[in-house]
C-alpha atoms as a PDB file:
ATOM      1  CA  ASP A   1     161.178 148.781 101.347  1.00  0.00           C
ATOM      2  CA  SER A   2     158.091 148.628  99.114  1.00  0.00           C
ATOM      3  CA  THR A   3     160.229 148.177  95.994  1.00  0.00           C
ATOM      4  CA  ASP A   4     161.209 144.723  97.267  1.00  0.00           C
ATOM      5  CA  SER A   5     157.663 143.584  98.079  1.00  0.00           C
ATOM      6  CA  ASN A   6     157.376 141.314  95.031  1.00  0.00           C
ATOM      7  CA  ASP A   7     160.812 139.731  95.184  1.00  0.00           C
ATOM      8  CA  THR A   8     161.095 136.019  95.946  1.00  0.00           C
ATOM      9  CA  PHE A   9     162.659 134.912  99.238  1.00  0.00           C
ATOM     10  CA  VAL A  10     163.262 131.452 100.659  1.00  0.00           C
ATOM     11  CA  ASP A  11     162.006 132.658 104.059  1.00  0.00           C
ATOM     12  CA  TYR A  12     159.169 135.128 103.599  1.00  0.00           C
ATOM     13  CA  ASP A  13     159.286 136.058 107.303  1.00  0.00           C
ATOM     14  CA  ALA A  14     162.835 137.372 106.948  1.00  0.00           C
ATOM     15  CA  ALA A  15     163.625 141.012 106.137  1.00  0.00           C
ATOM     16  CA  PRO A  16     162.756 142.808 103.945  1.00  0.00           C
ATOM     17  CA  CYS A  17     159.455 140.885 103.902  1.00  0.00           C
ATOM     18  CA  HIS A  18     157.104 142.420 106.472  1.00  0.00           C
ATOM     19  CA  ASN A  19     153.813 140.621 106.977  1.00  0.00           C
ATOM     20  CA  ARG A  20     151.406 142.930 108.808  1.00  0.00           C
ATOM     21  CA  PHE A  21     148.626 140.377 109.178  1.00  0.00           C
ATOM     22  CA  CYS A  22     149.552 139.131 112.669  1.00  0.00           C
ATOM     23  CA  PRO A  23     149.207 142.525 114.456  1.00  0.00           C
ATOM     24  CA  LEU A  24     145.886 143.086 112.674  1.00  0.00           C
ATOM     25  CA  PHE A  25     144.699 139.603 113.613  1.00  0.00           C
ATOM     26  CA  GLN A  26     145.620 140.021 117.290  1.00  0.00           C
ATOM     27  CA  ARG A  27     143.767 143.329 117.421  1.00  0.00           C
ATOM     28  CA  VAL A  28     140.602 142.348 115.530  1.00  0.00           C
ATOM     29  CA  ALA A  29     140.103 138.643 116.279  1.00  0.00           C
ATOM     30  CA  PRO A  30     139.291 138.751 120.052  1.00  0.00           C
ATOM     31  CA  PRO A  31     136.362 141.219 119.837  1.00  0.00           C
ATOM     32  CA  PHE A  32     135.106 139.507 116.672  1.00  0.00           C
ATOM     33  CA  LEU A  33     135.107 136.067 118.325  1.00  0.00           C
ATOM     34  CA  ALA A  34     133.495 137.436 121.497  1.00  0.00           C
ATOM     35  CA  ALA A  35     130.704 139.176 119.567  1.00  0.00           C
ATOM     36  CA  THR A  36     130.126 136.083 117.408  1.00  0.00           C
ATOM     37  CA  CYS A  37     129.905 133.891 120.514  1.00  0.00           C
ATOM     38  CA  VAL A  38     127.218 136.120 122.066  1.00  0.00           C
ATOM     39  CA  ALA A  39     125.226 136.255 118.816  1.00  0.00           C
ATOM     40  CA  ALA A  40     125.522 132.474 118.400  1.00  0.00           C
ATOM     41  CA  ALA A  41     124.335 131.842 121.956  1.00  0.00           C
ATOM     42  CA  LEU A  42     121.263 134.026 121.472  1.00  0.00           C
ATOM     43  CA  ALA A  43     120.389 132.611 118.039  1.00  0.00           C
ATOM     44  CA  THR A  44     120.891 128.979 119.102  1.00  0.00           C
ATOM     45  CA  ALA A  45     118.842 129.454 122.276  1.00  0.00           C
ATOM     46  CA  ALA A  46     116.026 131.019 120.251  1.00  0.00           C
ATOM     47  CA  LEU A  47     116.128 128.123 117.778  1.00  0.00           C
ATOM     48  CA  LEU A  48     115.964 125.516 120.563  1.00  0.00           C
ATOM     49  CA  VAL A  49     113.031 127.331 122.200  1.00  0.00           C
ATOM     50  CA  ALA A  50     111.204 127.403 118.869  1.00  0.00           C
ATOM     51  CA  LEU A  51     111.870 123.691 118.355  1.00  0.00           C
ATOM     52  CA  ALA A  52     110.496 122.901 121.828  1.00  0.00           C
ATOM     53  CA  LYS A  53     107.444 125.189 121.808  1.00  0.00           C
ATOM     54  CA  ARG A  54     106.249 124.675 118.240  1.00  0.00           C
ATOM     55  CA  PRO A  55     107.223 121.076 117.345  1.00  0.00           C
ATOM     56  CA  GLN A  56     104.417 120.740 114.797  1.00  0.00           C
ATOM     57  CA  ALA A  57     105.816 123.634 112.751  1.00  0.00           C
ATOM     58  CA  TRP A  58     109.093 121.828 112.011  1.00  0.00           C
ATOM     59  CA  ARG A  59     108.349 119.222 109.372  1.00  0.00           C
ATOM     60  CA  TRP A  60     110.449 117.680 106.657  1.00  0.00           C
ATOM     61  CA  PRO A  61     112.615 119.038 105.057  1.00  0.00           C
ATOM     62  CA  ARG A  62     113.274 121.087 108.204  1.00  0.00           C
ATOM     63  CA  SER A  63     113.072 118.073 110.503  1.00  0.00           C
ATOM     64  CA  ARG A  64     113.438 118.713 114.220  1.00  0.00           C
ATOM     65  CA  ALA A  65     115.890 115.808 114.506  1.00  0.00           C
ATOM     66  CA  VAL A  66     118.473 117.275 112.150  1.00  0.00           C
ATOM     67  CA  LEU A  67     117.880 120.878 113.258  1.00  0.00           C
ATOM     68  CA  ALA A  68     118.415 120.001 116.918  1.00  0.00           C
ATOM     69  CA  GLN A  69     121.705 118.325 116.045  1.00  0.00           C
ATOM     70  CA  LEU A  70     122.793 121.295 113.941  1.00  0.00           C
ATOM     71  CA  ALA A  71     121.996 123.529 116.930  1.00  0.00           C
ATOM     72  CA  LEU A  72     124.103 121.245 119.120  1.00  0.00           C
ATOM     73  CA  GLY A  73     126.984 121.489 116.658  1.00  0.00           C
ATOM     74  CA  THR A  74     126.845 125.276 116.495  1.00  0.00           C
ATOM     75  CA  ALA A  75     126.595 125.493 120.298  1.00  0.00           C
ATOM     76  CA  LEU A  76     129.711 123.332 120.697  1.00  0.00           C
ATOM     77  CA  PHE A  77     131.535 125.438 118.119  1.00  0.00           C
ATOM     78  CA  ALA A  78     130.528 128.730 119.749  1.00  0.00           C
ATOM     79  CA  ALA A  79     131.460 127.489 123.233  1.00  0.00           C
ATOM     80  CA  LEU A  80     135.110 127.292 122.132  1.00  0.00           C
ATOM     81  CA  LEU A  81     135.277 130.895 120.922  1.00  0.00           C
ATOM     82  CA  PRO A  82     135.866 132.590 124.332  1.00  0.00           C
ATOM     83  CA  ALA A  83     138.933 130.442 125.045  1.00  0.00           C
ATOM     84  CA  LEU A  84     140.339 131.131 121.578  1.00  0.00           C
ATOM     85  CA  ALA A  85     139.649 134.868 121.916  1.00  0.00           C
ATOM     86  CA  ALA A  86     141.409 134.976 125.292  1.00  0.00           C
ATOM     87  CA  GLY A  87     144.348 132.988 123.910  1.00  0.00           C
ATOM     88  CA  ILE A  88     144.790 135.426 121.036  1.00  0.00           C
ATOM     89  CA  ALA A  89     144.485 138.504 123.250  1.00  0.00           C
ATOM     90  CA  TRP A  90     146.625 137.438 126.213  1.00  0.00           C
ATOM     91  CA  GLY A  91     148.436 134.312 125.080  1.00  0.00           C
ATOM     92  CA  TRP A  92     147.581 130.632 125.468  1.00  0.00           C
ATOM     93  CA  HIS A  93     148.501 129.452 128.973  1.00  0.00           C
ATOM     94  CA  LEU A  94     146.466 126.230 129.153  1.00  0.00           C
ATOM     95  CA  GLY A  95     149.108 123.933 127.684  1.00  0.00           C
ATOM     96  CA  THR A  96     149.429 121.798 124.581  1.00  0.00           C
ATOM     97  CA  GLY A  97     146.812 119.265 125.668  1.00  0.00           C
ATOM     98  CA  ALA A  98     144.083 121.880 126.031  1.00  0.00           C
ATOM     99  CA  CYS A  99     145.075 123.427 122.702  1.00  0.00           C
ATOM    100  CA  ARG A 100     144.764 120.103 120.908  1.00  0.00           C
ATOM    101  CA  LEU A 101     141.470 119.331 122.643  1.00  0.00           C
ATOM    102  CA  THR A 102     140.114 122.709 121.519  1.00  0.00           C
ATOM    103  CA  HIS A 103     141.037 122.038 117.894  1.00  0.00           C
ATOM    104  CA  LEU A 104     139.599 118.513 118.156  1.00  0.00           C
ATOM    105  CA  LEU A 105     136.226 119.823 119.384  1.00  0.00           C
ATOM    106  CA  TRP A 106     136.302 122.700 116.857  1.00  0.00           C
ATOM    107  CA  HIS A 107     136.719 120.339 113.907  1.00  0.00           C
ATOM    108  CA  TRP A 108     134.411 117.709 115.417  1.00  0.00           C
ATOM    109  CA  SER A 109     131.513 120.174 115.467  1.00  0.00           C
ATOM    110  CA  LEU A 110     132.466 121.441 112.005  1.00  0.00           C
ATOM    111  CA  PHE A 111     132.633 118.005 110.385  1.00  0.00           C
ATOM    112  CA  ALA A 112     129.498 116.769 112.162  1.00  0.00           C
ATOM    113  CA  GLN A 113     127.522 119.710 110.793  1.00  0.00           C
ATOM    114  CA  ALA A 114     128.844 119.047 107.279  1.00  0.00           C
ATOM    115  CA  LEU A 115     127.744 115.420 107.494  1.00  0.00           C
ATOM    116  CA  LEU A 116     124.357 116.428 108.927  1.00  0.00           C
ATOM    117  CA  VAL A 117     123.774 118.845 106.071  1.00  0.00           C
ATOM    118  CA  ALA A 118     124.731 116.173 103.534  1.00  0.00           C
ATOM    119  CA  SER A 119     122.511 113.492 105.093  1.00  0.00           C
ATOM    120  CA  GLY A 120     119.614 115.929 105.483  1.00  0.00           C
ATOM    121  CA  SER A 121     119.859 117.056 101.858  1.00  0.00           C
ATOM    122  CA  CYS A 122     119.933 113.625 100.238  1.00  0.00           C
ATOM    123  CA  GLY A 123     117.208 111.633 101.929  1.00  0.00           C
ATOM    124  CA  THR A 124     114.441 111.370 104.516  1.00  0.00           C
ATOM    125  CA  ALA A 125     116.485 109.644 107.231  1.00  0.00           C
ATOM    126  CA  TRP A 126     115.702 112.470 109.677  1.00  0.00           C
ATOM    127  CA  ALA A 127     111.966 112.650 108.939  1.00  0.00           C
ATOM    128  CA  ARG A 128     111.263 110.848 112.244  1.00  0.00           C
ATOM    129  CA  TRP A 129     113.286 110.372 115.414  1.00  0.00           C
ATOM    130  CA  ASP A 130     113.094 106.583 115.543  1.00  0.00           C
ATOM    131  CA  PRO A 131     115.676 103.851 116.331  1.00  0.00           C
ATOM    132  CA  ARG A 132     117.002 104.005 112.769  1.00  0.00           C
ATOM    133  CA  SER A 133     117.649 107.746 112.876  1.00  0.00           C
ATOM    134  CA  ARG A 134     119.137 107.485 116.382  1.00  0.00           C
ATOM    135  CA  ARG A 135     121.642 104.889 115.172  1.00  0.00           C
ATOM    136  CA  LEU A 136     122.450 107.145 112.246  1.00  0.00           C
ATOM    137  CA  ALA A 137     123.049 110.065 114.602  1.00  0.00           C
ATOM    138  CA  VAL A 138     125.446 108.056 116.780  1.00  0.00           C
ATOM    139  CA  ALA A 139     127.346 106.815 113.728  1.00  0.00           C
ATOM    140  CA  LEU A 140     127.528 110.265 112.186  1.00  0.00           C
ATOM    141  CA  TRP A 141     128.932 111.949 115.300  1.00  0.00           C
ATOM    142  CA  ALA A 142     131.377 109.082 115.834  1.00  0.00           C
ATOM    143  CA  VAL A 143     132.649 109.357 112.250  1.00  0.00           C
ATOM    144  CA  ALA A 144     132.988 113.136 112.628  1.00  0.00           C
ATOM    145  CA  LEU A 145     135.065 112.654 115.780  1.00  0.00           C
ATOM    146  CA  LEU A 146     137.318 110.182 113.972  1.00  0.00           C
ATOM    147  CA  LEU A 147     137.767 112.587 111.058  1.00  0.00           C
ATOM    148  CA  ALA A 148     138.644 115.407 113.474  1.00  0.00           C
ATOM    149  CA  THR A 149     141.423 113.452 115.196  1.00  0.00           C
ATOM    150  CA  PRO A 150     144.189 114.513 112.742  1.00  0.00           C
ATOM    151  CA  ALA A 151     143.364 118.161 113.526  1.00  0.00           C
ATOM    152  CA  ALA A 152     144.308 117.516 117.162  1.00  0.00           C
ATOM    153  CA  LEU A 153     147.527 115.754 116.154  1.00  0.00           C
ATOM    154  CA  VAL A 154     148.812 118.603 113.976  1.00  0.00           C
ATOM    155  CA  SER A 155     147.855 121.509 116.291  1.00  0.00           C
ATOM    156  CA  GLY A 156     149.991 122.693 119.184  1.00  0.00           C
ATOM    157  CA  VAL A 157     151.516 125.586 121.106  1.00  0.00           C
ATOM    158  CA  ALA A 158     154.034 127.787 119.294  1.00  0.00           C
ATOM    159  CA  ALA A 159     156.372 130.357 120.867  1.00  0.00           C
ATOM    160  CA  GLY A 160     155.149 129.263 124.296  1.00  0.00           C
ATOM    161  CA  THR A 161     151.829 131.136 124.282  1.00  0.00           C
ATOM    162  CA  ALA A 162     150.181 130.684 120.870  1.00  0.00           C
ATOM    163  CA  CYS A 163     147.693 127.877 120.205  1.00  0.00           C
ATOM    164  CA  VAL A 164     148.118 127.233 116.473  1.00  0.00           C
ATOM    165  CA  ARG A 165     146.208 124.947 114.136  1.00  0.00           C
ATOM    166  CA  ARG A 166     149.419 123.630 112.519  1.00  0.00           C
ATOM    167  CA  SER A 167     152.599 122.931 114.497  1.00  0.00           C
ATOM    168  CA  VAL A 168     154.063 120.410 112.028  1.00  0.00           C
ATOM    169  CA  GLY A 169     155.558 120.703 108.574  1.00  0.00           C
ATOM    170  CA  ILE A 170     153.301 121.303 105.611  1.00  0.00           C
ATOM    171  CA  LEU A 171     154.299 117.899 104.173  1.00  0.00           C
ATOM    172  CA  ALA A 172     153.873 115.952 107.413  1.00  0.00           C
ATOM    173  CA  PRO A 173     151.650 112.871 106.850  1.00  0.00           C
ATOM    174  CA  ALA A 174     149.267 113.849 109.662  1.00  0.00           C
ATOM    175  CA  TYR A 175     148.763 117.321 108.190  1.00  0.00           C
ATOM    176  CA  LEU A 176     148.294 115.975 104.671  1.00  0.00           C
ATOM    177  CA  LEU A 177     145.582 113.659 106.026  1.00  0.00           C
ATOM    178  CA  HIS A 178     143.932 116.550 107.878  1.00  0.00           C
ATOM    179  CA  LEU A 179     144.098 118.768 104.792  1.00  0.00           C
ATOM    180  CA  THR A 180     142.600 116.031 102.617  1.00  0.00           C
ATOM    181  CA  LEU A 181     139.680 115.574 105.030  1.00  0.00           C
ATOM    182  CA  CYS A 182     139.049 119.334 105.152  1.00  0.00           C
ATOM    183  CA  LEU A 183     139.063 119.596 101.375  1.00  0.00           C
ATOM    184  CA  CYS A 184     136.707 116.624 101.038  1.00  0.00           C
ATOM    185  CA  LEU A 185     134.180 117.976 103.547  1.00  0.00           C
ATOM    186  CA  LEU A 186     134.451 121.706 102.834  1.00  0.00           C
ATOM    187  CA  LEU A 187     134.997 121.697  99.052  1.00  0.00           C
ATOM    188  CA  LEU A 188     134.225 118.359  97.401  1.00  0.00           C
ATOM    189  CA  LEU A 189     131.124 117.609  99.482  1.00  0.00           C
ATOM    190  CA  PRO A 190     129.380 120.925  98.645  1.00  0.00           C
ATOM    191  CA  ALA A 191     130.344 120.529  94.979  1.00  0.00           C
ATOM    192  CA  GLY A 192     128.964 116.989  94.912  1.00  0.00           C
ATOM    193  CA  LEU A 193     125.716 118.000  96.604  1.00  0.00           C
ATOM    194  CA  LEU A 194     125.290 120.898  94.193  1.00  0.00           C
ATOM    195  CA  LEU A 195     125.795 118.651  91.156  1.00  0.00           C
ATOM    196  CA  ALA A 196     123.401 116.081  92.628  1.00  0.00           C
ATOM    197  CA  ALA A 197     120.755 118.742  93.207  1.00  0.00           C
ATOM    198  CA  LEU A 198     121.099 120.001  89.633  1.00  0.00           C
ATOM    199  CA  ALA A 199     120.784 116.466  88.284  1.00  0.00           C
ATOM    200  CA  VAL A 200     117.948 115.189  90.525  1.00  0.00           C
ATOM    201  CA  PRO A 201     114.644 117.144  90.370  1.00  0.00           C
ATOM    202  CA  ARG A 202     113.546 115.794  93.764  1.00  0.00           C
ATOM    203  CA  LEU A 203     116.516 117.452  95.475  1.00  0.00           C
ATOM    204  CA  ARG A 204     115.800 120.749  93.752  1.00  0.00           C
ATOM    205  CA  ALA A 205     112.205 120.542  94.997  1.00  0.00           C
ATOM    206  CA  SER A 206     113.421 120.077  98.570  1.00  0.00           C
ATOM    207  CA  TRP A 207     115.479 123.247  98.213  1.00  0.00           C
ATOM    208  CA  ALA A 208     112.370 125.118  97.184  1.00  0.00           C
ATOM    209  CA  GLY A 209     110.744 123.880 100.393  1.00  0.00           C
ATOM    210  CA  GLY A 210     113.431 125.525 102.490  1.00  0.00           C
ATOM    211  CA  ALA A 211     115.910 122.704 103.060  1.00  0.00           C
ATOM    212  CA  GLY A 212     118.512 124.644 101.117  1.00  0.00           C
ATOM    213  CA  LEU A 213     118.893 127.072 104.020  1.00  0.00           C
ATOM    214  CA  VAL A 214     121.010 124.538 105.876  1.00  0.00           C
ATOM    215  CA  TRP A 215     123.427 125.000 102.968  1.00  0.00           C
ATOM    216  CA  LEU A 216     124.350 128.306 104.551  1.00  0.00           C
ATOM    217  CA  PHE A 217     126.825 126.328 106.654  1.00  0.00           C
ATOM    218  CA  LEU A 218     128.630 124.830 103.666  1.00  0.00           C
ATOM    219  CA  GLY A 219     128.572 128.070 101.709  1.00  0.00           C
ATOM    220  CA  LEU A 220     130.282 129.982 104.514  1.00  0.00           C
ATOM    221  CA  TRP A 221     133.090 127.417 104.825  1.00  0.00           C
ATOM    222  CA  VAL A 222     133.834 126.856 101.124  1.00  0.00           C
ATOM    223  CA  PRO A 223     136.193 129.891 100.898  1.00  0.00           C
ATOM    224  CA  TYR A 224     138.167 128.605 103.886  1.00  0.00           C
ATOM    225  CA  GLY A 225     138.554 125.193 102.253  1.00  0.00           C
ATOM    226  CA  ALA A 226     139.865 126.899  99.134  1.00  0.00           C
ATOM    227  CA  GLY A 227     142.191 128.967 101.324  1.00  0.00           C
ATOM    228  CA  LEU A 228     143.671 125.847 102.913  1.00  0.00           C
ATOM    229  CA  ALA A 229     144.393 124.483  99.445  1.00  0.00           C
ATOM    230  CA  GLY A 230     146.078 127.748  98.468  1.00  0.00           C
ATOM    231  CA  GLU A 231     148.129 127.767 101.659  1.00  0.00           C
ATOM    232  CA  PHE A 232     149.411 124.300 100.896  1.00  0.00           C
ATOM    233  CA  LEU A 233     150.429 125.288  97.371  1.00  0.00           C
ATOM    234  CA  LEU A 234     152.319 128.326  98.658  1.00  0.00           C
ATOM    235  CA  GLN A 235     153.985 126.637 101.618  1.00  0.00           C
ATOM    236  CA  ALA A 236     154.977 123.617  99.518  1.00  0.00           C
ATOM    237  CA  ARG A 237     156.498 126.020  96.933  1.00  0.00           C
ATOM    238  CA  LEU A 238     154.172 124.760  94.205  1.00  0.00           C
ATOM    239  CA  LEU A 239     153.295 128.416  93.606  1.00  0.00           C
ATOM    240  CA  GLU A 240     155.843 131.221  93.503  1.00  0.00           C
ATOM    241  CA  PRO A 241     156.305 132.323  97.160  1.00  0.00           C
ATOM    242  CA  THR A 242     156.757 136.096  96.955  1.00  0.00           C
ATOM    243  CA  CYS A 243     156.466 138.501  99.869  1.00  0.00           C
ATOM    244  CA  GLY A 244     153.379 140.064  98.322  1.00  0.00           C
ATOM    245  CA  SER A 245     151.645 136.749  97.692  1.00  0.00           C
ATOM    246  CA  PHE A 246     152.169 135.563 101.246  1.00  0.00           C
ATOM    247  CA  GLU A 247     151.023 138.826 102.793  1.00  0.00           C
ATOM    248  CA  HIS A 248     147.877 139.058 100.686  1.00  0.00           C
ATOM    249  CA  PHE A 249     147.139 135.374 101.076  1.00  0.00           C
ATOM    250  CA  ASP A 250     147.378 135.466 104.879  1.00  0.00           C
ATOM    251  CA  LEU A 251     144.769 138.228 104.892  1.00  0.00           C
ATOM    252  CA  ALA A 252     142.494 136.283 102.529  1.00  0.00           C
ATOM    253  CA  LEU A 253     142.820 133.106 104.608  1.00  0.00           C
ATOM    254  CA  GLY A 254     142.034 134.990 107.815  1.00  0.00           C
ATOM    255  CA  LEU A 255     138.972 136.634 106.274  1.00  0.00           C
ATOM    256  CA  SER A 256     137.705 133.293 104.921  1.00  0.00           C
ATOM    257  CA  GLU A 257     138.070 131.656 108.330  1.00  0.00           C
ATOM    258  CA  GLY A 258     136.230 134.568 109.928  1.00  0.00           C
ATOM    259  CA  LEU A 259     133.451 134.115 107.366  1.00  0.00           C
ATOM    260  CA  GLY A 260     133.192 130.449 108.291  1.00  0.00           C
ATOM    261  CA  VAL A 261     133.064 131.231 112.010  1.00  0.00           C
ATOM    262  CA  LEU A 262     129.946 133.315 111.375  1.00  0.00           C
ATOM    263  CA  HIS A 263     128.016 130.139 110.589  1.00  0.00           C
ATOM    264  CA  CYS A 264     127.402 129.507 114.286  1.00  0.00           C
ATOM    265  CA  SER A 265     125.316 132.683 114.522  1.00  0.00           C
ATOM    266  CA  LEU A 266     123.974 133.083 110.969  1.00  0.00           C
ATOM    267  CA  GLY A 267     122.922 129.419 110.655  1.00  0.00           C
ATOM    268  CA  PRO A 268     120.411 129.318 113.551  1.00  0.00           C
ATOM    269  CA  LEU A 269     119.224 132.825 112.665  1.00  0.00           C
ATOM    270  CA  GLY A 270     118.591 131.827 109.032  1.00  0.00           C
ATOM    271  CA  LEU A 271     116.607 128.757 110.118  1.00  0.00           C
ATOM    272  CA  LEU A 272     114.504 130.862 112.491  1.00  0.00           C
ATOM    273  CA  LEU A 273     113.749 133.399 109.776  1.00  0.00           C
ATOM    274  CA  ALA A 274     112.789 130.621 107.349  1.00  0.00           C
ATOM    275  CA  TRP A 275     110.421 129.145 109.942  1.00  0.00           C
ATOM    276  CA  ARG A 276     108.813 132.531 110.609  1.00  0.00           C
ATOM    277  CA  CYS A 277     108.313 133.100 106.895  1.00  0.00           C
END
């Protein structure tokens, strides 16, 4: 009954609350993920070919060292999309271990790219591929893997055939740690880099040279970080949990995550276009 859509209920999944997001998600998500995977594969392959054939064209601030690692991160991210698309369309039948490994790799690539963007925007560590930059690369990917571990701990299989990103309570310590890390890397890190660029003329000059294009990654994931914060406030009952708010919020969170997923195809494409121009 639409007249009850704004009433408050303890369980928003119970009648008369009817959330129509899940059927829409199951219908739209598989083809979207499949198309994004194909586009990401083509764009990343083209970027790697350009890096290999025209090495002299990629100079600081678009250093080959950081761009190759960003391409690796997007390739890892895109490689997980077919399994997720199949799991949404036909159910997840690979078990809890594979589900957690998928979320671990998903967040590992995501966090590694965030750290690469931050390190590439604030210094010249990637200007040359020397022992110093190689040690930095190993440390950065190791830290990203450590930061992604809570994502594996909180994910799991729900209802037997659904690989979900959160199978624990909203106030579980592991999820709170995962949420904090996501907010730091997807919200606070972009805000800090933006303030630093506004305050330091040298950083603004690097943006003018094209380094700001790698910010496309952070810009696409900022709405999802904000969505995770909103989800926590609603699920923890810090905001009024009405049927309407939950239904509209689920749609907004799904759209923001879809926007973030596009980074694996738009990122390499944007870098290629910047190089051509």
